[in-house]
Amino acid sequence: MRPSKFRSVRQKLRLTQAELSHLLGVKELTVARWEGGKCRIPNAAAALVEGMRLEAMGKTAPPMRELLFLVRS
């Protein structure tokens, strides 16, 4: 997942960087670095955010294995 998409999804979920960092179990600075393109976004974090996006849209998120495949491609 590109940093710009990661940020866009977070904003659409109406989460602050602090709130998302708490949900993901990372520091707020880590989320800021991911969004700024300074650090690579781990596939697991991208998959969790993608799952939250799908659920917010009223869709059932696929199993984690499928989400990981989606964010890698």
C-alpha atoms as a PDB file:
ATOM      1  CA  MET A   1       0.000   0.000   0.000  1.00  0.00           C
ATOM      2  CA  ARG A   2       1.338   3.402  -0.946  1.00  0.00           C
ATOM      3  CA  PRO A   3       1.762   6.005   1.804  1.00  0.00           C
ATOM      4  CA  SER A   4      -0.808   8.313   0.183  1.00  0.00           C
ATOM      5  CA  LYS A   5      -3.428   5.560   0.121  1.00  0.00           C
ATOM      6  CA  PHE A   6      -2.641   4.601   3.707  1.00  0.00           C
ATOM      7  CA  ARG A   7      -3.210   8.213   4.791  1.00  0.00           C
ATOM      8  CA  SER A   8      -6.359   8.525   2.689  1.00  0.00           C
ATOM      9  CA  VAL A   9      -7.870   5.385   4.211  1.00  0.00           C
ATOM     10  CA  ARG A  10      -7.024   6.566   7.733  1.00  0.00           C
ATOM     11  CA  GLN A  11      -8.681   9.901   7.057  1.00  0.00           C
ATOM     12  CA  LYS A  12     -11.770   8.249   5.551  1.00  0.00           C
ATOM     13  CA  LEU A  13     -12.017   6.151   8.705  1.00  0.00           C
ATOM     14  CA  ARG A  14     -11.934   9.449  10.645  1.00  0.00           C
ATOM     15  CA  LEU A  15      -8.986   8.306  12.714  1.00  0.00           C
ATOM     16  CA  THR A  16      -6.103  10.436  13.876  1.00  0.00           C
ATOM     17  CA  GLN A  17      -2.570   9.126  13.595  1.00  0.00           C
ATOM     18  CA  ALA A  18      -2.636   8.647  17.369  1.00  0.00           C
ATOM     19  CA  GLU A  19      -5.864   6.611  17.245  1.00  0.00           C
ATOM     20  CA  LEU A  20      -4.637   4.411  14.405  1.00  0.00           C
ATOM     21  CA  SER A  21      -1.283   3.883  16.085  1.00  0.00           C
ATOM     22  CA  HIS A  22      -3.100   2.713  19.226  1.00  0.00           C
ATOM     23  CA  LEU A  23      -5.234   0.264  17.206  1.00  0.00           C
ATOM     24  CA  LEU A  24      -2.160  -1.116  15.425  1.00  0.00           C
ATOM     25  CA  GLY A  25       0.002  -1.237  18.543  1.00  0.00           C
ATOM     26  CA  VAL A  26       2.694   1.080  17.194  1.00  0.00           C
ATOM     27  CA  LYS A  27       3.910   4.548  18.076  1.00  0.00           C
ATOM     28  CA  GLU A  28       2.244   7.591  16.535  1.00  0.00           C
ATOM     29  CA  LEU A  29       5.601   8.523  15.011  1.00  0.00           C
ATOM     30  CA  THR A  30       5.609   5.197  13.161  1.00  0.00           C
ATOM     31  CA  VAL A  31       2.277   5.972  11.486  1.00  0.00           C
ATOM     32  CA  ALA A  32       3.577   9.439  10.574  1.00  0.00           C
ATOM     33  CA  ARG A  33       6.704   7.879   9.020  1.00  0.00           C
ATOM     34  CA  TRP A  34       4.616   5.380   7.036  1.00  0.00           C
ATOM     35  CA  GLU A  35       2.386   8.154   5.722  1.00  0.00           C
ATOM     36  CA  GLY A  36       5.372  10.336   4.921  1.00  0.00           C
ATOM     37  CA  GLY A  37       7.049   7.563   2.960  1.00  0.00           C
ATOM     38  CA  LYS A  38      10.021   7.486   5.305  1.00  0.00           C
ATOM     39  CA  CYS A  39       9.446   3.870   6.323  1.00  0.00           C
ATOM     40  CA  ARG A  40       7.916   0.951   4.468  1.00  0.00           C
ATOM     41  CA  ILE A  41       4.392   0.080   5.598  1.00  0.00           C
ATOM     42  CA  PRO A  42       4.386  -3.543   6.785  1.00  0.00           C
ATOM     43  CA  ASN A  43       1.990  -5.789   4.878  1.00  0.00           C
ATOM     44  CA  ALA A  44       0.232  -6.772   8.098  1.00  0.00           C
ATOM     45  CA  ALA A  45      -0.508  -3.114   8.973  1.00  0.00           C
ATOM     46  CA  ALA A  46      -1.705  -2.389   5.443  1.00  0.00           C
ATOM     47  CA  ALA A  47      -3.933  -5.481   5.534  1.00  0.00           C
ATOM     48  CA  LEU A  48      -5.498  -4.441   8.845  1.00  0.00           C
ATOM     49  CA  VAL A  49      -6.184  -0.934   7.553  1.00  0.00           C
ATOM     50  CA  GLU A  50      -7.657  -2.352   4.351  1.00  0.00           C
ATOM     51  CA  GLY A  51      -9.890  -4.638   6.417  1.00  0.00           C
ATOM     52  CA  MET A  52     -11.089  -1.665   8.473  1.00  0.00           C
ATOM     53  CA  ARG A  53     -11.820   0.232   5.248  1.00  0.00           C
ATOM     54  CA  LEU A  54     -13.905  -2.624   3.880  1.00  0.00           C
ATOM     55  CA  GLU A  55     -15.837  -2.990   7.126  1.00  0.00           C
ATOM     56  CA  ALA A  56     -16.507   0.766   7.214  1.00  0.00           C
ATOM     57  CA  MET A  57     -18.015   0.417   3.741  1.00  0.00           C
ATOM     58  CA  GLY A  58     -20.357  -2.259   5.081  1.00  0.00           C
ATOM     59  CA  LYS A  59     -18.519  -5.075   3.361  1.00  0.00           C
ATOM     60  CA  THR A  60     -17.302  -8.210   5.020  1.00  0.00           C
ATOM     61  CA  ALA A  61     -13.530  -8.188   5.142  1.00  0.00           C
ATOM     62  CA  PRO A  62     -11.932 -11.329   3.736  1.00  0.00           C
ATOM     63  CA  PRO A  63      -9.676 -13.497   5.916  1.00  0.00           C
ATOM     64  CA  MET A  64      -6.289 -12.004   6.789  1.00  0.00           C
ATOM     65  CA  ARG A  65      -4.507 -14.301   4.330  1.00  0.00           C
ATOM     66  CA  GLU A  66      -6.516 -12.821   1.453  1.00  0.00           C
ATOM     67  CA  LEU A  67      -5.983  -9.268   2.709  1.00  0.00           C
ATOM     68  CA  LEU A  68      -2.242  -9.851   2.811  1.00  0.00           C
ATOM     69  CA  PHE A  69      -2.374 -11.039  -0.790  1.00  0.00           C
ATOM     70  CA  LEU A  70      -4.344  -7.930  -1.806  1.00  0.00           C
ATOM     71  CA  VAL A  71      -1.920  -5.466  -0.256  1.00  0.00           C
ATOM     72  CA  ARG A  72       1.102  -7.191  -1.781  1.00  0.00           C
ATOM     73  CA  SER A  73      -0.229  -6.847  -5.310  1.00  0.00           C
END
